[in-house]
Amino acid sequence: MLTIEDFDVAGKRVFVRADLNVPLDGERITDDGRIQAALPTITELCQRGARVIVAAHLGRPKGEPTPEYSLRPVATRLGELLGAEVALAEDTAGESARAVSSELTDGSVAMLENLRFEPGETSKDSAERGEFADRLAQLADLYVGDGFGAVHRKHASVYDLPNRLPHAAGALVLTEIGVLRELTTDPERPYAVVLGGSKVSDKLGVIDNLLGTADRLLIGGGMAYTFLKAKGYDIGSSLLEEDQLETVAGYLKRAEEQGVRIVLPVDVIAADSLSADADNAPADVGSIPEARMGLDIGPKSRELFASELADTSTVFWNGPMGVFEMEPFAEGTRALAQAILDSEAFSVVGGGDSAAAVRALGFDEDAFGHISTGGGASLEYLEGASLPGIEALES
């Protein structure tokens, strides 16, 4: 895989596919972590005299321009961080994009509008994707893939465009792949994986693959209740994926046969509704009131999870332990993050809600070994799946 160090970029138009899919409250960016993560590659290219065209997606606008998904707030924030204005094209590969690209000077940066405003970006038809990729290719001399959060998508700007231009991997992608290879090839042991989030179905592949790699799986969040139900516990009105009970029971059996310890909550914070104002109280697993739902791991579970992490050398964490956005149900995720830091293990936070929780709960990001920018991409890599965007950069 080539890097930007392998190219003379001075005076060249460099197309940087970044991942700038940030959360917005209206036009206000509530977490600029992904923009911050894109800065090293963009800054280096500017310092070396490149004419940088940044491209990204935001949300799911379904192939047509949608004002609420405009990248304008992102372009403004990127300009603030770079200390220079970032011009935003009014389209993705049309007249405005061509004009903005041609007006770039050495060391300057412009941004295309949301790539998903074009149906060809996400099309499953290779010809339609290819036509869009052809138009994007006319804007640049070199392609740099640096949007790790999108490399698991077979999209035009991720998969097809690199095949039409000289291409290189950006600093962020190189870092992400290096860390994930460390987790899958020869992690220092004991190696613990902490999985949370709402649905066990989102993580079936990674659980299946990790049963042959990890020493311990700690499972919290909404997905834990399907595991608890498979073990015969009453879970009240907690989230349950009934169609996954048989699969989960199989994982529990395999883990026991392979000597992998699956650690589940022993108590939860049970509430009568999904609301910050809901009446709530700790409840032991198996004694959750029928009309209540578990929305966080309880105090005994926090202590249990901390003890399981205390002697670890490597930890991968993906998914919160509860509805951390609501303060009454944030303590489990807060306690888990602190336990990971206290363990002094090499820690990888697997993007998505976990990375958002680290920032929202006030932790120092630099205290963790690595915070991924791509939750879905990280999980698919750990599943052993091929990542189209990485395949394209390696070709």
Protein backbone atom coordinates (compact mmCIF):
# COMPACT_ATOMS: atom_id res chain seq x y z
CA MET A 1 0.00 0.00 0.00
CA LEU A 2 1.53 3.31 -1.11
CA THR A 3 1.51 6.38 1.14
CA ILE A 4 1.52 10.09 0.37
CA GLU A 5 5.27 10.03 1.04
CA ASP A 6 5.62 8.05 -2.20
CA PHE A 7 4.33 10.95 -4.33
CA ASP A 8 5.48 14.43 -5.25
CA VAL A 9 2.29 16.33 -4.52
CA ALA A 10 3.46 19.92 -5.05
CA GLY A 11 1.12 21.68 -7.45
CA LYS A 12 -1.02 18.53 -7.83
CA ARG A 13 -4.75 18.35 -7.21
CA VAL A 14 -5.13 15.74 -4.50
CA PHE A 15 -8.55 14.20 -3.83
CA VAL A 16 -8.77 13.26 -0.14
CA ARG A 17 -11.64 10.92 0.72
CA ALA A 18 -12.15 11.69 4.41
CA ASP A 19 -14.74 10.57 6.94
CA LEU A 20 -16.42 13.74 8.18
CA ASN A 21 -19.78 12.20 9.08
CA VAL A 22 -20.14 14.23 12.27
CA PRO A 23 -23.23 14.57 14.48
CA LEU A 24 -25.18 17.80 14.02
CA ASP A 25 -27.74 19.67 16.07
CA GLY A 26 -29.20 21.82 13.34
CA GLU A 27 -26.06 23.39 11.89
CA ARG A 28 -24.06 22.99 15.09
CA ILE A 29 -21.46 20.20 15.17
CA THR A 30 -21.77 18.43 18.51
CA ASP A 31 -18.61 16.31 18.15
CA ASP A 32 -15.81 17.28 15.74
CA GLY A 33 -13.62 14.25 16.50
CA ARG A 34 -13.67 12.99 12.92
CA ILE A 35 -12.68 16.40 11.55
CA GLN A 36 -9.80 16.53 14.02
CA ALA A 37 -8.71 13.04 12.92
CA ALA A 38 -8.57 14.14 9.26
CA LEU A 39 -6.26 17.09 9.97
CA PRO A 40 -2.83 15.37 9.91
CA THR A 41 -3.15 14.15 6.32
CA ILE A 42 -4.73 17.36 5.02
CA THR A 43 -2.17 19.51 6.83
CA GLU A 44 0.79 17.53 5.51
CA LEU A 45 -0.48 17.74 1.95
CA CYS A 46 -0.95 21.50 2.28
CA GLN A 47 2.53 21.95 3.71
CA ARG A 48 3.95 20.07 0.74
CA GLY A 49 2.18 22.36 -1.72
CA ALA A 50 -0.74 20.16 -2.77
CA ARG A 51 -4.06 21.56 -3.93
CA VAL A 52 -6.39 19.59 -1.69
CA ILE A 53 -9.95 18.60 -2.56
CA VAL A 54 -11.67 17.08 0.46
CA ALA A 55 -14.67 14.83 -0.12
CA ALA A 56 -16.93 13.10 2.37
CA HIS A 57 -20.50 12.09 3.13
CA LEU A 58 -22.89 13.16 5.86
CA GLY A 59 -25.91 11.16 6.93
CA ARG A 60 -28.17 9.31 4.49
CA PRO A 61 -29.66 11.82 2.03
CA LYS A 62 -30.75 9.06 -0.41
CA GLY A 63 -29.06 10.28 -3.56
CA GLU A 64 -30.39 13.80 -3.84
CA PRO A 65 -29.43 17.23 -2.46
CA THR A 66 -30.91 17.71 1.00
CA PRO A 67 -30.14 20.99 2.81
CA GLU A 68 -30.04 19.42 6.28
CA TYR A 69 -27.19 17.15 5.13
CA SER A 70 -25.06 19.88 3.58
CA LEU A 71 -21.38 19.78 4.48
CA ARG A 72 -21.29 23.56 4.94
CA PRO A 73 -20.90 23.39 8.76
CA VAL A 74 -18.11 20.85 8.27
CA ALA A 75 -16.28 23.04 5.75
CA THR A 76 -16.56 25.98 8.15
CA ARG A 77 -15.16 23.96 11.07
CA LEU A 78 -12.35 22.50 8.96
CA GLY A 79 -11.39 26.01 7.90
CA GLU A 80 -11.30 27.12 11.55
CA LEU A 81 -8.99 24.25 12.46
CA LEU A 82 -6.72 24.85 9.46
CA GLY A 83 -6.69 28.61 9.95
CA ALA A 84 -7.69 29.21 6.34
CA GLU A 85 -10.98 29.37 4.47
CA VAL A 86 -12.21 26.11 2.92
CA ALA A 87 -14.35 26.80 -0.13
CA LEU A 88 -17.37 24.51 -0.48
CA ALA A 89 -18.56 23.49 -3.94
CA GLU A 90 -22.31 23.62 -4.48
CA ASP A 91 -22.28 20.13 -6.01
CA THR A 92 -20.18 16.97 -5.99
CA ALA A 93 -18.78 16.62 -9.49
CA GLY A 94 -20.56 19.23 -11.56
CA GLU A 95 -19.84 22.77 -12.73
CA SER A 96 -19.27 24.17 -9.24
CA ALA A 97 -16.93 21.33 -8.25
CA ARG A 98 -14.90 21.80 -11.44
CA ALA A 99 -14.65 25.54 -10.83
CA VAL A 100 -13.58 25.14 -7.21
CA SER A 101 -11.00 22.53 -8.20
CA SER A 102 -9.53 24.72 -10.94
CA GLU A 103 -9.29 27.74 -8.64
CA LEU A 104 -7.20 25.99 -5.99
CA THR A 105 -3.69 27.25 -5.39
CA ASP A 106 -0.73 25.44 -3.88
CA GLY A 107 -1.40 24.66 -0.21
CA SER A 108 -5.10 25.55 -0.33
CA VAL A 109 -8.12 23.38 0.51
CA ALA A 110 -11.62 23.09 -0.91
CA MET A 111 -14.46 20.70 -0.18
CA LEU A 112 -17.07 19.03 -2.37
CA GLU A 113 -20.69 18.89 -1.29
CA ASN A 114 -22.02 15.70 0.31
CA LEU A 115 -21.06 12.78 -1.93
CA ARG A 116 -24.30 10.99 -1.09
CA PHE A 117 -26.23 13.72 -2.88
CA GLU A 118 -25.34 11.63 -5.97
CA PRO A 119 -27.14 8.28 -6.40
CA GLY A 120 -24.00 6.90 -8.06
CA GLU A 121 -22.03 7.13 -4.81
CA THR A 122 -23.86 4.32 -3.05
CA SER A 123 -25.33 2.46 -6.03
CA LYS A 124 -25.06 -1.32 -6.16
CA ASP A 125 -24.79 -1.00 -9.97
CA SER A 126 -21.10 -0.92 -10.84
CA ALA A 127 -21.76 1.04 -14.05
CA GLU A 128 -23.63 3.77 -12.21
CA ARG A 129 -20.90 3.98 -9.56
CA GLY A 130 -18.29 4.00 -12.29
CA GLU A 131 -19.91 6.90 -14.12
CA PHE A 132 -19.83 8.98 -10.93
CA ALA A 133 -16.24 7.92 -10.22
CA ASP A 134 -15.26 9.00 -13.76
CA ARG A 135 -16.59 12.50 -13.08
CA LEU A 136 -14.82 12.70 -9.72
CA ALA A 137 -11.56 11.55 -11.32
CA GLN A 138 -11.60 14.58 -13.63
CA LEU A 139 -11.22 16.84 -10.60
CA ALA A 140 -7.85 15.50 -9.39
CA ASP A 141 -4.43 14.08 -10.21
CA LEU A 142 -4.03 11.84 -7.15
CA TYR A 143 -6.37 10.00 -4.77
CA VAL A 144 -5.73 9.67 -1.03
CA GLY A 145 -7.96 7.32 0.96
CA ASP A 146 -8.16 8.56 4.53
CA GLY A 147 -11.79 7.95 5.49
CA PHE A 148 -11.43 4.80 7.57
CA GLY A 149 -15.04 4.98 8.71
CA ALA A 150 -16.15 4.37 5.10
CA VAL A 151 -13.66 1.74 3.90
CA HIS A 152 -16.11 -1.10 4.52
CA ARG A 153 -18.47 0.40 1.92
CA LYS A 154 -18.23 -0.45 -1.77
CA HIS A 155 -19.01 3.12 -2.77
CA ALA A 156 -17.82 5.09 -5.78
CA SER A 157 -15.51 7.46 -3.87
CA VAL A 158 -14.12 4.63 -1.74
CA TYR A 159 -13.77 1.69 -4.12
CA ASP A 160 -14.13 2.80 -7.75
CA LEU A 161 -12.30 6.13 -7.75
CA PRO A 162 -8.91 4.78 -6.53
CA ASN A 163 -8.89 2.49 -9.57
CA ARG A 164 -9.00 5.55 -11.83
CA LEU A 165 -6.19 7.61 -10.29
CA PRO A 166 -2.75 7.04 -8.75
CA HIS A 167 -3.64 6.33 -5.15
CA ALA A 168 -2.23 6.28 -1.64
CA ALA A 169 -3.37 5.67 1.92
CA GLY A 170 -3.56 8.60 4.31
CA ALA A 171 -2.10 8.72 7.81
CA LEU A 172 -5.39 7.91 9.52
CA VAL A 173 -6.07 4.77 7.49
CA LEU A 174 -2.50 3.55 8.01
CA THR A 175 -2.80 4.03 11.78
CA GLU A 176 -6.19 2.31 11.98
CA ILE A 177 -5.08 -0.73 9.98
CA GLY A 178 -1.86 -1.01 11.98
CA VAL A 179 -3.75 -1.07 15.28
CA LEU A 180 -6.35 -3.57 14.10
CA ARG A 181 -3.70 -5.89 12.73
CA GLU A 182 -2.10 -5.86 16.15
CA LEU A 183 -5.41 -6.95 17.68
CA THR A 184 -5.93 -9.80 15.23
CA THR A 185 -2.45 -11.21 14.76
CA ASP A 186 -0.60 -11.36 18.06
CA PRO A 187 -2.26 -9.33 20.83
CA GLU A 188 -0.53 -9.24 24.18
CA ARG A 189 -2.49 -11.37 26.62
CA PRO A 190 -4.74 -11.48 28.54
CA TYR A 191 -6.84 -10.00 25.73
CA ALA A 192 -10.33 -8.78 26.68
CA VAL A 193 -13.02 -7.56 24.31
CA VAL A 194 -15.86 -5.43 25.67
CA LEU A 195 -18.98 -5.27 23.52
CA GLY A 196 -22.04 -3.13 24.15
CA GLY A 197 -24.64 -1.24 22.21
CA SER A 198 -28.23 -2.11 21.53
CA LYS A 199 -28.33 -5.11 19.21
CA VAL A 200 -26.47 -8.41 19.35
CA SER A 201 -27.31 -8.90 15.64
CA ASP A 202 -24.98 -6.00 14.79
CA LYS A 203 -22.05 -7.89 16.29
CA LEU A 204 -22.67 -11.55 15.39
CA GLY A 205 -19.72 -11.73 13.00
CA VAL A 206 -17.23 -10.17 15.39
CA ILE A 207 -18.35 -12.40 18.27
CA ASP A 208 -18.01 -15.45 16.06
CA ASN A 209 -14.47 -14.49 15.05
CA LEU A 210 -13.34 -13.34 18.49
CA LEU A 211 -14.24 -16.65 20.11
CA GLY A 212 -11.05 -17.90 18.52
CA THR A 213 -8.94 -14.85 19.44
CA ALA A 214 -9.95 -13.20 22.71
CA ASP A 215 -9.50 -14.60 26.21
CA ARG A 216 -12.57 -12.83 27.61
CA LEU A 217 -15.71 -11.26 26.20
CA LEU A 218 -17.45 -8.74 28.46
CA ILE A 219 -20.94 -8.01 27.18
CA GLY A 220 -23.12 -5.10 28.29
CA GLY A 221 -25.59 -2.67 26.77
CA GLY A 222 -28.87 -3.72 25.21
CA MET A 223 -27.27 -6.74 23.56
CA ALA A 224 -26.58 -8.32 26.95
CA TYR A 225 -30.25 -9.08 27.54
CA THR A 226 -30.42 -11.56 24.66
CA PHE A 227 -27.46 -13.38 26.24
CA LEU A 228 -29.11 -13.29 29.66
CA LYS A 229 -32.37 -14.61 28.24
CA ALA A 230 -30.47 -17.42 26.47
CA LYS A 231 -29.11 -18.40 29.88
CA GLY A 232 -32.64 -18.59 31.26
CA TYR A 233 -32.90 -15.28 33.12
CA ASP A 234 -36.07 -13.18 33.19
CA ILE A 235 -35.23 -9.76 31.70
CA GLY A 236 -38.47 -7.83 32.28
CA SER A 237 -39.25 -5.58 29.31
CA SER A 238 -35.58 -5.14 28.37
CA LEU A 239 -34.47 -5.18 24.75
CA LEU A 240 -34.56 -8.70 23.34
CA GLU A 241 -33.74 -10.11 19.91
CA GLU A 242 -35.71 -13.32 20.18
CA ASP A 243 -34.63 -14.54 16.75
CA GLN A 244 -31.00 -14.55 17.95
CA LEU A 245 -31.50 -16.68 21.07
CA GLU A 246 -30.43 -19.91 19.40
CA THR A 247 -27.33 -18.29 17.89
CA VAL A 248 -26.37 -16.74 21.22
CA ALA A 249 -26.85 -20.06 23.01
CA GLY A 250 -24.45 -21.58 20.49
CA TYR A 251 -21.86 -18.89 21.23
CA LEU A 252 -22.15 -19.54 24.96
CA LYS A 253 -21.54 -23.24 24.38
CA ARG A 254 -18.59 -22.63 22.03
CA ALA A 255 -17.00 -20.20 24.46
CA GLU A 256 -17.14 -22.79 27.23
CA GLU A 257 -15.63 -25.45 24.96
CA GLN A 258 -12.82 -23.11 23.82
CA GLY A 259 -12.00 -21.73 27.25
CA VAL A 260 -13.15 -18.19 26.44
CA ARG A 261 -14.85 -16.51 29.36
CA ILE A 262 -18.06 -14.64 28.52
CA VAL A 263 -18.82 -12.17 31.30
CA LEU A 264 -22.38 -10.84 31.56
CA PRO A 265 -23.94 -8.26 33.90
CA VAL A 266 -25.06 -9.51 37.32
CA ASP A 267 -27.25 -6.47 37.96
CA VAL A 268 -28.72 -3.62 35.96
CA ILE A 269 -30.33 -0.21 36.37
CA ALA A 270 -33.98 -0.96 35.59
CA ALA A 271 -36.40 1.83 34.66
CA ASP A 272 -40.08 2.00 33.88
CA SER A 273 -39.49 3.88 30.61
CA LEU A 274 -36.75 5.08 28.28
CA SER A 275 -36.52 8.56 29.75
CA ALA A 276 -34.06 10.54 31.80
CA ASP A 277 -36.90 11.26 34.21
CA ALA A 278 -38.01 7.63 34.53
CA ASP A 279 -38.18 5.99 37.93
CA ASN A 280 -35.20 3.65 38.14
CA ALA A 281 -33.39 1.42 40.60
CA PRO A 282 -30.76 -1.35 40.59
CA ALA A 283 -32.07 -4.88 40.07
CA ASP A 284 -30.20 -8.16 40.15
CA VAL A 285 -30.23 -10.15 36.92
CA GLY A 286 -33.14 -12.55 37.12
CA SER A 287 -35.10 -10.17 39.34
CA ILE A 288 -35.84 -7.39 36.88
CA PRO A 289 -39.49 -6.35 37.38
CA GLU A 290 -41.69 -7.40 34.47
CA ALA A 291 -42.68 -3.83 33.62
CA ARG A 292 -39.11 -2.46 33.77
CA MET A 293 -36.26 -2.44 31.29
CA GLY A 294 -32.54 -2.53 31.90
CA LEU A 295 -30.92 0.69 30.65
CA ASP A 296 -27.43 0.38 32.18
CA ILE A 297 -25.26 -2.12 33.99
CA GLY A 298 -25.60 -1.91 37.77
CA PRO A 299 -23.01 -1.22 40.51
CA LYS A 300 -22.16 -4.91 41.06
CA SER A 301 -21.60 -5.38 37.32
CA ARG A 302 -19.33 -2.33 37.20
CA GLU A 303 -17.16 -3.89 39.90
CA LEU A 304 -17.23 -7.27 38.14
CA PHE A 305 -16.20 -5.79 34.78
CA ALA A 306 -13.43 -3.75 36.43
CA SER A 307 -12.03 -6.86 38.12
CA GLU A 308 -12.07 -8.73 34.78
CA LEU A 309 -10.11 -5.91 33.14
CA ALA A 310 -7.62 -5.28 35.94
CA ASP A 311 -4.97 -7.78 34.79
CA THR A 312 -5.46 -7.42 31.03
CA SER A 313 -2.71 -6.42 28.62
CA THR A 314 -4.96 -5.66 25.62
CA VAL A 315 -8.54 -4.35 25.54
CA PHE A 316 -10.83 -3.66 22.60
CA TRP A 317 -14.06 -1.83 23.44
CA ASN A 318 -17.00 -1.25 21.13
CA GLY A 319 -20.40 -0.11 22.37
CA PRO A 320 -21.66 1.65 25.51
CA MET A 321 -22.90 -0.20 28.59
CA GLY A 322 -26.16 1.73 28.71
CA VAL A 323 -28.02 4.75 27.41
CA PHE A 324 -25.11 7.02 28.30
CA GLU A 325 -26.72 10.06 26.65
CA MET A 326 -29.07 10.15 29.66
CA GLU A 327 -27.22 10.89 32.88
CA PRO A 328 -29.12 8.35 35.06
CA PHE A 329 -27.88 5.60 32.74
CA ALA A 330 -24.34 6.85 32.01
CA GLU A 331 -22.53 5.52 35.06
CA GLY A 332 -21.90 2.03 33.65
CA THR A 333 -20.16 3.39 30.56
CA ARG A 334 -18.25 5.91 32.68
CA ALA A 335 -17.10 3.19 35.09
CA LEU A 336 -16.08 0.91 32.22
CA ALA A 337 -13.96 3.60 30.57
CA GLN A 338 -12.26 4.31 33.89
CA ALA A 339 -11.64 0.59 34.47
CA ILE A 340 -9.97 0.32 31.06
CA LEU A 341 -7.68 3.23 31.89
CA ASP A 342 -6.93 1.82 35.36
CA SER A 343 -5.91 -1.52 33.83
CA GLU A 344 -2.99 0.14 32.00
CA ALA A 345 -3.64 -2.24 29.10
CA PHE A 346 -3.11 -1.25 25.48
CA SER A 347 -6.64 -0.06 24.80
CA VAL A 348 -8.50 0.40 21.53
CA VAL A 349 -11.85 2.17 21.53
CA GLY A 350 -13.71 0.93 18.47
CA GLY A 351 -15.28 4.12 17.18
CA GLY A 352 -18.97 5.00 16.93
CA ASP A 353 -20.87 5.46 20.16
CA SER A 354 -17.90 4.34 22.26
CA ALA A 355 -15.71 7.13 20.95
CA ALA A 356 -18.57 9.60 21.37
CA ALA A 357 -19.03 8.42 24.96
CA VAL A 358 -15.35 8.93 25.78
CA ARG A 359 -15.62 12.55 24.68
CA ALA A 360 -19.10 13.20 26.11
CA LEU A 361 -18.16 11.82 29.53
CA GLY A 362 -15.08 14.01 29.76
CA PHE A 363 -12.24 11.49 29.42
CA ASP A 364 -8.86 12.43 27.99
CA GLU A 365 -8.77 10.77 24.56
CA ASP A 366 -4.98 10.60 24.67
CA ALA A 367 -5.16 8.36 27.75
CA PHE A 368 -6.43 5.52 25.57
CA GLY A 369 -4.09 3.64 23.27
CA HIS A 370 -6.17 4.36 20.18
CA ILE A 371 -9.65 5.70 19.48
CA SER A 372 -10.93 4.50 16.13
CA THR A 373 -12.90 6.74 13.81
CA GLY A 374 -14.77 3.84 12.23
CA GLY A 375 -17.06 1.71 14.36
CA GLY A 376 -18.51 -0.38 11.54
CA ALA A 377 -15.20 -0.66 9.71
CA SER A 378 -13.40 -1.71 12.89
CA LEU A 379 -15.95 -4.43 13.60
CA GLU A 380 -15.86 -5.77 10.05
CA TYR A 381 -12.07 -5.92 10.16
CA LEU A 382 -12.24 -7.89 13.42
CA GLU A 383 -14.82 -10.19 11.80
CA GLY A 384 -12.20 -11.04 9.19
CA ALA A 385 -14.26 -9.45 6.41
CA SER A 386 -12.61 -7.83 3.40
CA LEU A 387 -12.83 -4.04 3.31
CA PRO A 388 -13.42 -2.72 -0.24
CA GLY A 389 -11.70 0.60 0.43
CA ILE A 390 -8.56 -1.12 1.69
CA GLU A 391 -8.58 -3.57 -1.22
CA ALA A 392 -8.68 -0.63 -3.63
CA LEU A 393 -5.76 1.12 -1.93
CA GLU A 394 -3.71 -2.09 -2.01
CA SER A 395 -4.28 -2.68 -5.74
